[in-house]
Amino acid sequence: MTVTDHRKLIDLTSVGPATVKDLALLGITTVAQLRNRDGADLYHRLCLETGEQHDICCLDVFMCAIAQARDPNLPQEQKNWWYWSKQRKMNG
């Protein structure tokens, strides 16, 4: 039995209108579409699509959103994009 995720992208913590717009540019309009994506791939594709180097924090927001898409019960701390910034910086 498949459980339907009724959350909208904008419902995810740390995801605002600009991120929703960026994801739509990449063809992602639902939480279900985001679930199996790779944050680094999305970030690099966004930079290619727009022809500009986006702030690296955009990657952190993508990682945060993907984690929430995969786990609706993610710990509150991990729902904040800066948690993912710390992880990225620790992992080099």
PDB file of N, CA and C in Angstrom:
ATOM      1  N   MET A   1       0.842  -1.188   0.000  1.00  0.00           N
ATOM      2  CA  MET A   1       0.000   0.000   0.000  1.00  0.00           C
ATOM      3  C   MET A   1       0.883   1.246   0.000  1.00  0.00           C
ATOM      4  N   THR A   2       0.642   2.149  -0.919  1.00  0.00           N
ATOM      5  CA  THR A   2       1.404   3.378  -1.026  1.00  0.00           C
ATOM      6  C   THR A   2       0.686   4.490  -0.275  1.00  0.00           C
ATOM      7  N   VAL A   3       1.431   5.199   0.551  1.00  0.00           N
ATOM      8  CA  VAL A   3       0.865   6.332   1.274  1.00  0.00           C
ATOM      9  C   VAL A   3       1.083   7.581   0.431  1.00  0.00           C
ATOM     10  N   THR A   4       0.026   8.341   0.202  1.00  0.00           N
ATOM     11  CA  THR A   4       0.114   9.555  -0.590  1.00  0.00           C
ATOM     12  C   THR A   4       0.575  10.702   0.288  1.00  0.00           C
ATOM     13  N   ASP A   5       1.546  11.435  -0.187  1.00  0.00           N
ATOM     14  CA  ASP A   5       2.070  12.584   0.539  1.00  0.00           C
ATOM     15  C   ASP A   5       1.344  13.822   0.029  1.00  0.00           C
ATOM     16  N   HIS A   6       0.539  14.417   0.888  1.00  0.00           N
ATOM     17  CA  HIS A   6      -0.272  15.559   0.484  1.00  0.00           C
ATOM     18  C   HIS A   6       0.429  16.904   0.716  1.00  0.00           C
ATOM     19  N   ARG A   7       1.653  16.869   1.234  1.00  0.00           N
ATOM     20  CA  ARG A   7       2.360  18.126   1.471  1.00  0.00           C
ATOM     21  C   ARG A   7       2.713  18.785   0.139  1.00  0.00           C
ATOM     22  N   LYS A   8       2.745  20.091   0.159  1.00  0.00           N
ATOM     23  CA  LYS A   8       3.209  20.862  -0.997  1.00  0.00           C
ATOM     24  C   LYS A   8       4.656  21.252  -0.714  1.00  0.00           C
ATOM     25  N   LEU A   9       5.394  21.563  -1.763  1.00  0.00           N
ATOM     26  CA  LEU A   9       6.791  21.969  -1.581  1.00  0.00           C
ATOM     27  C   LEU A   9       6.892  23.137  -0.609  1.00  0.00           C
ATOM     28  N   ILE A  10       5.995  24.093  -0.726  1.00  0.00           N
ATOM     29  CA  ILE A  10       6.033  25.273   0.141  1.00  0.00           C
ATOM     30  C   ILE A  10       5.766  24.922   1.600  1.00  0.00           C
ATOM     31  N   ASP A  11       5.198  23.744   1.851  1.00  0.00           N
ATOM     32  CA  ASP A  11       4.938  23.295   3.227  1.00  0.00           C
ATOM     33  C   ASP A  11       6.210  22.829   3.935  1.00  0.00           C
ATOM     34  N   LEU A  12       7.250  22.541   3.174  1.00  0.00           N
ATOM     35  CA  LEU A  12       8.494  22.052   3.769  1.00  0.00           C
ATOM     36  C   LEU A  12       9.222  23.209   4.450  1.00  0.00           C
ATOM     37  N   THR A  13       9.731  22.960   5.635  1.00  0.00           N
ATOM     38  CA  THR A  13      10.484  23.971   6.364  1.00  0.00           C
ATOM     39  C   THR A  13      11.716  24.365   5.548  1.00  0.00           C
ATOM     40  N   SER A  14      12.031  25.638   5.534  1.00  0.00           N
ATOM     41  CA  SER A  14      13.171  26.217   4.823  1.00  0.00           C
ATOM     42  C   SER A  14      12.947  26.370   3.318  1.00  0.00           C
ATOM     43  N   VAL A  15      11.773  25.971   2.829  1.00  0.00           N
ATOM     44  CA  VAL A  15      11.459  26.125   1.406  1.00  0.00           C
ATOM     45  C   VAL A  15      10.516  27.311   1.249  1.00  0.00           C
ATOM     46  N   GLY A  16      10.990  28.315   0.527  1.00  0.00           N
ATOM     47  CA  GLY A  16      10.177  29.495   0.270  1.00  0.00           C
ATOM     48  C   GLY A  16       9.826  29.597  -1.205  1.00  0.00           C
ATOM     49  N   PRO A  17       9.176  30.676  -1.585  1.00  0.00           N
ATOM     50  CA  PRO A  17       8.750  30.854  -2.972  1.00  0.00           C
ATOM     51  C   PRO A  17       9.895  30.778  -3.986  1.00  0.00           C
ATOM     52  N   ALA A  18      11.066  31.307  -3.651  1.00  0.00           N
ATOM     53  CA  ALA A  18      12.188  31.265  -4.591  1.00  0.00           C
ATOM     54  C   ALA A  18      12.640  29.828  -4.840  1.00  0.00           C
ATOM     55  N   THR A  19      12.673  29.019  -3.795  1.00  0.00           N
ATOM     56  CA  THR A  19      13.065  27.615  -3.954  1.00  0.00           C
ATOM     57  C   THR A  19      12.017  26.847  -4.746  1.00  0.00           C
ATOM     58  N   VAL A  20      10.756  27.127  -4.483  1.00  0.00           N
ATOM     59  CA  VAL A  20       9.683  26.484  -5.253  1.00  0.00           C
ATOM     60  C   VAL A  20       9.849  26.823  -6.735  1.00  0.00           C
ATOM     61  N   LYS A  21      10.172  28.062  -7.031  1.00  0.00           N
ATOM     62  CA  LYS A  21      10.380  28.499  -8.419  1.00  0.00           C
ATOM     63  C   LYS A  21      11.597  27.787  -9.034  1.00  0.00           C
ATOM     64  N   ASP A  22      12.683  27.700  -8.266  1.00  0.00           N
ATOM     65  CA  ASP A  22      13.885  27.014  -8.757  1.00  0.00           C
ATOM     66  C   ASP A  22      13.589  25.546  -9.049  1.00  0.00           C
ATOM     67  N   LEU A  23      12.868  24.896  -8.146  1.00  0.00           N
ATOM     68  CA  LEU A  23      12.537  23.487  -8.343  1.00  0.00           C
ATOM     69  C   LEU A  23      11.634  23.305  -9.557  1.00  0.00           C
ATOM     70  N   ALA A  24      10.687  24.209  -9.749  1.00  0.00           N
ATOM     71  CA  ALA A  24       9.795  24.130 -10.912  1.00  0.00           C
ATOM     72  C   ALA A  24      10.594  24.260 -12.204  1.00  0.00           C
ATOM     73  N   LEU A  25      11.600  25.125 -12.202  1.00  0.00           N
ATOM     74  CA  LEU A  25      12.477  25.272 -13.362  1.00  0.00           C
ATOM     75  C   LEU A  25      13.163  23.951 -13.699  1.00  0.00           C
ATOM     76  N   LEU A  26      13.393  23.135 -12.665  1.00  0.00           N
ATOM     77  CA  LEU A  26      14.036  21.830 -12.836  1.00  0.00           C
ATOM     78  C   LEU A  26      13.016  20.709 -13.044  1.00  0.00           C
ATOM     79  N   GLY A  27      11.742  21.067 -13.161  1.00  0.00           N
ATOM     80  CA  GLY A  27      10.701  20.083 -13.431  1.00  0.00           C
ATOM     81  C   GLY A  27      10.135  19.401 -12.205  1.00  0.00           C
ATOM     82  N   ILE A  28      10.401  19.963 -11.035  1.00  0.00           N
ATOM     83  CA  ILE A  28       9.923  19.372  -9.779  1.00  0.00           C
ATOM     84  C   ILE A  28       8.836  20.272  -9.205  1.00  0.00           C
ATOM     85  N   THR A  29       7.633  19.722  -9.110  1.00  0.00           N
ATOM     86  CA  THR A  29       6.514  20.510  -8.600  1.00  0.00           C
ATOM     87  C   THR A  29       5.801  19.847  -7.424  1.00  0.00           C
ATOM     88  N   THR A  30       6.235  18.635  -7.055  1.00  0.00           N
ATOM     89  CA  THR A  30       5.604  17.938  -5.929  1.00  0.00           C
ATOM     90  C   THR A  30       6.665  17.366  -4.995  1.00  0.00           C
ATOM     91  N   VAL A  31       6.255  17.127  -3.766  1.00  0.00           N
ATOM     92  CA  VAL A  31       7.145  16.504  -2.782  1.00  0.00           C
ATOM     93  C   VAL A  31       7.547  15.108  -3.260  1.00  0.00           C
ATOM     94  N   ALA A  32       6.619  14.377  -3.843  1.00  0.00           N
ATOM     95  CA  ALA A  32       6.918  13.028  -4.332  1.00  0.00           C
ATOM     96  C   ALA A  32       8.011  13.052  -5.405  1.00  0.00           C
ATOM     97  N   GLN A  33       8.005  14.051  -6.274  1.00  0.00           N
ATOM     98  CA  GLN A  33       9.032  14.158  -7.311  1.00  0.00           C
ATOM     99  C   GLN A  33      10.399  14.470  -6.715  1.00  0.00           C
ATOM    100  N   LEU A  34      10.409  15.121  -5.581  1.00  0.00           N
ATOM    101  CA  LEU A  34      11.656  15.530  -4.929  1.00  0.00           C
ATOM    102  C   LEU A  34      12.316  14.383  -4.169  1.00  0.00           C
ATOM    103  N   ARG A  35      11.534  13.451  -3.726  1.00  0.00           N
ATOM    104  CA  ARG A  35      11.959  12.396  -2.797  1.00  0.00           C
ATOM    105  C   ARG A  35      13.225  11.655  -3.230  1.00  0.00           C
ATOM    106  N   ASN A  36      13.334  11.295  -4.472  1.00  0.00           N
ATOM    107  CA  ASN A  36      14.471  10.479  -4.922  1.00  0.00           C
ATOM    108  C   ASN A  36      15.513  11.275  -5.693  1.00  0.00           C
ATOM    109  N   ARG A  37      15.550  12.557  -5.489  1.00  0.00           N
ATOM    110  CA  ARG A  37      16.515  13.405  -6.188  1.00  0.00           C
ATOM    111  C   ARG A  37      17.800  13.551  -5.387  1.00  0.00           C
ATOM    112  N   ASP A  38      18.815  14.030  -6.066  1.00  0.00           N
ATOM    113  CA  ASP A  38      20.122  14.280  -5.464  1.00  0.00           C
ATOM    114  C   ASP A  38      20.326  15.795  -5.394  1.00  0.00           C
ATOM    115  N   GLY A  39      20.600  16.306  -4.202  1.00  0.00           N
ATOM    116  CA  GLY A  39      20.728  17.744  -4.013  1.00  0.00           C
ATOM    117  C   GLY A  39      21.828  18.374  -4.842  1.00  0.00           C
ATOM    118  N   ALA A  40      22.990  17.729  -4.899  1.00  0.00           N
ATOM    119  CA  ALA A  40      24.111  18.277  -5.670  1.00  0.00           C
ATOM    120  C   ALA A  40      23.757  18.331  -7.152  1.00  0.00           C
ATOM    121  N   ASP A  41      23.108  17.294  -7.645  1.00  0.00           N
ATOM    122  CA  ASP A  41      22.698  17.276  -9.044  1.00  0.00           C
ATOM    123  C   ASP A  41      21.715  18.416  -9.328  1.00  0.00           C
ATOM    124  N   LEU A  42      20.744  18.603  -8.445  1.00  0.00           N
ATOM    125  CA  LEU A  42      19.775  19.685  -8.641  1.00  0.00           C
ATOM    126  C   LEU A  42      20.471  21.044  -8.638  1.00  0.00           C
ATOM    127  N   TYR A  43      21.404  21.222  -7.719  1.00  0.00           N
ATOM    128  CA  TYR A  43      22.127  22.494  -7.627  1.00  0.00           C
ATOM    129  C   TYR A  43      22.910  22.767  -8.915  1.00  0.00           C
ATOM    130  N   HIS A  44      23.639  21.774  -9.387  1.00  0.00           N
ATOM    131  CA  HIS A  44      24.436  21.958 -10.612  1.00  0.00           C
ATOM    132  C   HIS A  44      23.542  22.190 -11.828  1.00  0.00           C
ATOM    133  N   ARG A  45      22.427  21.486 -11.895  1.00  0.00           N
ATOM    134  CA  ARG A  45      21.479  21.699 -12.991  1.00  0.00           C
ATOM    135  C   ARG A  45      20.892  23.099 -12.955  1.00  0.00           C
ATOM    136  N   LEU A  46      20.582  23.595 -11.744  1.00  0.00           N
ATOM    137  CA  LEU A  46      20.036  24.938 -11.610  1.00  0.00           C
ATOM    138  C   LEU A  46      21.038  25.972 -12.130  1.00  0.00           C
ATOM    139  N   CYS A  47      22.289  25.807 -11.760  1.00  0.00           N
ATOM    140  CA  CYS A  47      23.327  26.731 -12.228  1.00  0.00           C
ATOM    141  C   CYS A  47      23.441  26.688 -13.755  1.00  0.00           C
ATOM    142  N   LEU A  48      23.375  25.503 -14.332  1.00  0.00           N
ATOM    143  CA  LEU A  48      23.437  25.370 -15.789  1.00  0.00           C
ATOM    144  C   LEU A  48      22.211  25.979 -16.459  1.00  0.00           C
ATOM    145  N   GLU A  49      21.047  25.693 -15.926  1.00  0.00           N
ATOM    146  CA  GLU A  49      19.791  26.199 -16.516  1.00  0.00           C
ATOM    147  C   GLU A  49      19.724  27.718 -16.512  1.00  0.00           C
ATOM    148  N   THR A  50      20.194  28.335 -15.452  1.00  0.00           N
ATOM    149  CA  THR A  50      20.088  29.787 -15.319  1.00  0.00           C
ATOM    150  C   THR A  50      21.327  30.518 -15.844  1.00  0.00           C
ATOM    151  N   GLY A  51      22.406  29.770 -16.073  1.00  0.00           N
ATOM    152  CA  GLY A  51      23.630  30.387 -16.563  1.00  0.00           C
ATOM    153  C   GLY A  51      24.341  31.220 -15.517  1.00  0.00           C
ATOM    154  N   GLU A  52      24.082  30.945 -14.256  1.00  0.00           N
ATOM    155  CA  GLU A  52      24.754  31.682 -13.180  1.00  0.00           C
ATOM    156  C   GLU A  52      25.098  30.749 -12.025  1.00  0.00           C
ATOM    157  N   GLN A  53      26.108  31.142 -11.285  1.00  0.00           N
ATOM    158  CA  GLN A  53      26.516  30.379 -10.107  1.00  0.00           C
ATOM    159  C   GLN A  53      25.670  30.836  -8.927  1.00  0.00           C
ATOM    160  N   HIS A  54      24.794  29.974  -8.457  1.00  0.00           N
ATOM    161  CA  HIS A  54      23.932  30.310  -7.326  1.00  0.00           C
ATOM    162  C   HIS A  54      24.697  30.159  -6.015  1.00  0.00           C
ATOM    163  N   ASP A  55      24.249  30.870  -5.007  1.00  0.00           N
ATOM    164  CA  ASP A  55      24.833  30.759  -3.682  1.00  0.00           C
ATOM    165  C   ASP A  55      24.796  29.291  -3.251  1.00  0.00           C
ATOM    166  N   ILE A  56      25.883  28.822  -2.667  1.00  0.00           N
ATOM    167  CA  ILE A  56      25.989  27.419  -2.250  1.00  0.00           C
ATOM    168  C   ILE A  56      24.922  27.059  -1.211  1.00  0.00           C
ATOM    169  N   CYS A  57      24.377  28.038  -0.531  1.00  0.00           N
ATOM    170  CA  CYS A  57      23.300  27.757   0.427  1.00  0.00           C
ATOM    171  C   CYS A  57      22.064  27.194  -0.267  1.00  0.00           C
ATOM    172  N   CYS A  58      21.938  27.444  -1.555  1.00  0.00           N
ATOM    173  CA  CYS A  58      20.847  26.864  -2.337  1.00  0.00           C
ATOM    174  C   CYS A  58      20.960  25.335  -2.302  1.00  0.00           C
ATOM    175  N   LEU A  59      22.172  24.822  -2.368  1.00  0.00           N
ATOM    176  CA  LEU A  59      22.398  23.378  -2.251  1.00  0.00           C
ATOM    177  C   LEU A  59      21.904  22.887  -0.895  1.00  0.00           C
ATOM    178  N   ASP A  60      22.197  23.632   0.143  1.00  0.00           N
ATOM    179  CA  ASP A  60      21.775  23.241   1.493  1.00  0.00           C
ATOM    180  C   ASP A  60      20.253  23.192   1.608  1.00  0.00           C
ATOM    181  N   VAL A  61      19.586  24.152   0.983  1.00  0.00           N
ATOM    182  CA  VAL A  61      18.119  24.162   0.997  1.00  0.00           C
ATOM    183  C   VAL A  61      17.589  22.946   0.240  1.00  0.00           C
ATOM    184  N   PHE A  62      18.203  22.622  -0.896  1.00  0.00           N
ATOM    185  CA  PHE A  62      17.784  21.431  -1.647  1.00  0.00           C
ATOM    186  C   PHE A  62      17.968  20.173  -0.800  1.00  0.00           C
ATOM    187  N   MET A  63      19.103  20.052  -0.132  1.00  0.00           N
ATOM    188  CA  MET A  63      19.355  18.874   0.713  1.00  0.00           C
ATOM    189  C   MET A  63      18.318  18.786   1.826  1.00  0.00           C
ATOM    190  N   CYS A  64      18.010  19.908   2.417  1.00  0.00           N
ATOM    191  CA  CYS A  64      17.021  19.981   3.487  1.00  0.00           C
ATOM    192  C   CYS A  64      15.644  19.546   2.984  1.00  0.00           C
ATOM    193  N   ALA A  65      15.253  20.052   1.831  1.00  0.00           N
ATOM    194  CA  ALA A  65      13.944  19.725   1.264  1.00  0.00           C
ATOM    195  C   ALA A  65      13.856  18.246   0.897  1.00  0.00           C
ATOM    196  N   ILE A  66      14.919  17.713   0.328  1.00  0.00           N
ATOM    197  CA  ILE A  66      14.946  16.295  -0.048  1.00  0.00           C
ATOM    198  C   ILE A  66      14.822  15.417   1.199  1.00  0.00           C
ATOM    199  N   ALA A  67      15.548  15.768   2.248  1.00  0.00           N
ATOM    200  CA  ALA A  67      15.480  14.990   3.492  1.00  0.00           C
ATOM    201  C   ALA A  67      14.052  14.972   4.039  1.00  0.00           C
ATOM    202  N   GLN A  68      13.376  16.115   3.990  1.00  0.00           N
ATOM    203  CA  GLN A  68      11.989  16.180   4.467  1.00  0.00           C
ATOM    204  C   GLN A  68      11.043  15.407   3.556  1.00  0.00           C
ATOM    205  N   ALA A  69      11.318  15.435   2.262  1.00  0.00           N
ATOM    206  CA  ALA A  69      10.480  14.687   1.324  1.00  0.00           C
ATOM    207  C   ALA A  69      10.582  13.192   1.600  1.00  0.00           C
ATOM    208  N   ARG A  70      11.769  12.761   1.978  1.00  0.00           N
ATOM    209  CA  ARG A  70      11.994  11.336   2.255  1.00  0.00           C
ATOM    210  C   ARG A  70      11.449  10.918   3.612  1.00  0.00           C
ATOM    211  N   ASP A  71      11.462  11.840   4.569  1.00  0.00           N
ATOM    212  CA  ASP A  71      11.051  11.499   5.937  1.00  0.00           C
ATOM    213  C   ASP A  71      10.188  12.609   6.530  1.00  0.00           C
ATOM    214  N   PRO A  72       8.866  12.449   6.491  1.00  0.00           N
ATOM    215  CA  PRO A  72       7.997  13.480   7.053  1.00  0.00           C
ATOM    216  C   PRO A  72       8.202  13.694   8.550  1.00  0.00           C
ATOM    217  N   ASN A  73       8.820  12.730   9.221  1.00  0.00           N
ATOM    218  CA  ASN A  73       9.054  12.833  10.661  1.00  0.00           C
ATOM    219  C   ASN A  73      10.502  13.178  10.987  1.00  0.00           C
ATOM    220  N   LEU A  74      11.164  13.829  10.072  1.00  0.00           N
ATOM    221  CA  LEU A  74      12.549  14.250  10.269  1.00  0.00           C
ATOM    222  C   LEU A  74      12.656  15.088  11.542  1.00  0.00           C
ATOM    223  N   PRO A  75      13.724  14.907  12.323  1.00  0.00           N
ATOM    224  CA  PRO A  75      13.887  15.739  13.523  1.00  0.00           C
ATOM    225  C   PRO A  75      13.863  17.229  13.157  1.00  0.00           C
ATOM    226  N   GLN A  76      13.294  18.025  14.026  1.00  0.00           N
ATOM    227  CA  GLN A  76      13.115  19.455  13.752  1.00  0.00           C
ATOM    228  C   GLN A  76      14.416  20.131  13.334  1.00  0.00           C
ATOM    229  N   GLU A  77      15.513  19.810  14.015  1.00  0.00           N
ATOM    230  CA  GLU A  77      16.804  20.434  13.695  1.00  0.00           C
ATOM    231  C   GLU A  77      17.188  20.224  12.235  1.00  0.00           C
ATOM    232  N   GLN A  78      16.890  19.057  11.697  1.00  0.00           N
ATOM    233  CA  GLN A  78      17.266  18.725  10.329  1.00  0.00           C
ATOM    234  C   GLN A  78      16.338  19.343   9.286  1.00  0.00           C
ATOM    235  N   LYS A  79      15.294  20.012   9.737  1.00  0.00           N
ATOM    236  CA  LYS A  79      14.383  20.702   8.824  1.00  0.00           C
ATOM    237  C   LYS A  79      14.847  22.121   8.519  1.00  0.00           C
ATOM    238  N   ASN A  80      15.953  22.525   9.138  1.00  0.00           N
ATOM    239  CA  ASN A  80      16.515  23.856   8.911  1.00  0.00           C
ATOM    240  C   ASN A  80      17.687  23.756   7.938  1.00  0.00           C
ATOM    241  N   TRP A  81      17.713  24.630   6.936  1.00  0.00           N
ATOM    242  CA  TRP A  81      18.746  24.542   5.908  1.00  0.00           C
ATOM    243  C   TRP A  81      20.151  24.676   6.496  1.00  0.00           C
ATOM    244  N   TRP A  82      20.301  25.424   7.585  1.00  0.00           N
ATOM    245  CA  TRP A  82      21.647  25.617   8.139  1.00  0.00           C
ATOM    246  C   TRP A  82      22.207  24.340   8.753  1.00  0.00           C
ATOM    247  N   TYR A  83      21.354  23.402   9.134  1.00  0.00           N
ATOM    248  CA  TYR A  83      21.833  22.084   9.573  1.00  0.00           C
ATOM    249  C   TYR A  83      22.608  21.436   8.426  1.00  0.00           C
ATOM    250  N   TRP A  84      22.067  21.558   7.221  1.00  0.00           N
ATOM    251  CA  TRP A  84      22.693  20.955   6.045  1.00  0.00           C
ATOM    252  C   TRP A  84      23.946  21.719   5.629  1.00  0.00           C
ATOM    253  N   SER A  85      23.997  23.021   5.918  1.00  0.00           N
ATOM    254  CA  SER A  85      25.230  23.791   5.682  1.00  0.00           C
ATOM    255  C   SER A  85      26.355  23.250   6.562  1.00  0.00           C
ATOM    256  N   LYS A  86      26.025  23.007   7.825  1.00  0.00           N
ATOM    257  CA  LYS A  86      27.033  22.460   8.755  1.00  0.00           C
ATOM    258  C   LYS A  86      27.514  21.098   8.277  1.00  0.00           C
ATOM    259  N   GLN A  87      26.586  20.254   7.823  1.00  0.00           N
ATOM    260  CA  GLN A  87      26.958  18.914   7.328  1.00  0.00           C
ATOM    261  C   GLN A  87      27.887  19.028   6.121  1.00  0.00           C
ATOM    262  N   ARG A  88      27.547  19.911   5.184  1.00  0.00           N
ATOM    263  CA  ARG A  88      28.364  20.100   3.978  1.00  0.00           C
ATOM    264  C   ARG A  88      29.763  20.580   4.349  1.00  0.00           C
ATOM    265  N   LYS A  89      29.853  21.513   5.262  1.00  0.00           N
ATOM    266  CA  LYS A  89      31.152  22.062   5.665  1.00  0.00           C
ATOM    267  C   LYS A  89      31.985  21.023   6.414  1.00  0.00           C
ATOM    268  N   MET A  90      31.342  20.177   7.208  1.00  0.00           N
ATOM    269  CA  MET A  90      32.075  19.132   7.939  1.00  0.00           C
ATOM    270  C   MET A  90      32.596  18.045   6.993  1.00  0.00           C
ATOM    271  N   ASN A  91      31.855  17.800   5.916  1.00  0.00           N
ATOM    272  CA  ASN A  91      32.226  16.733   4.985  1.00  0.00           C
ATOM    273  C   ASN A  91      33.129  17.221   3.849  1.00  0.00           C
ATOM    274  N   GLY A  92      33.505  18.480   3.919  1.00  0.00           N
ATOM    275  CA  GLY A  92      34.501  19.000   3.009  1.00  0.00           C
ATOM    276  C   GLY A  92      34.021  19.526   1.746  1.00  0.00           C
TER     277      GLY A  92
END
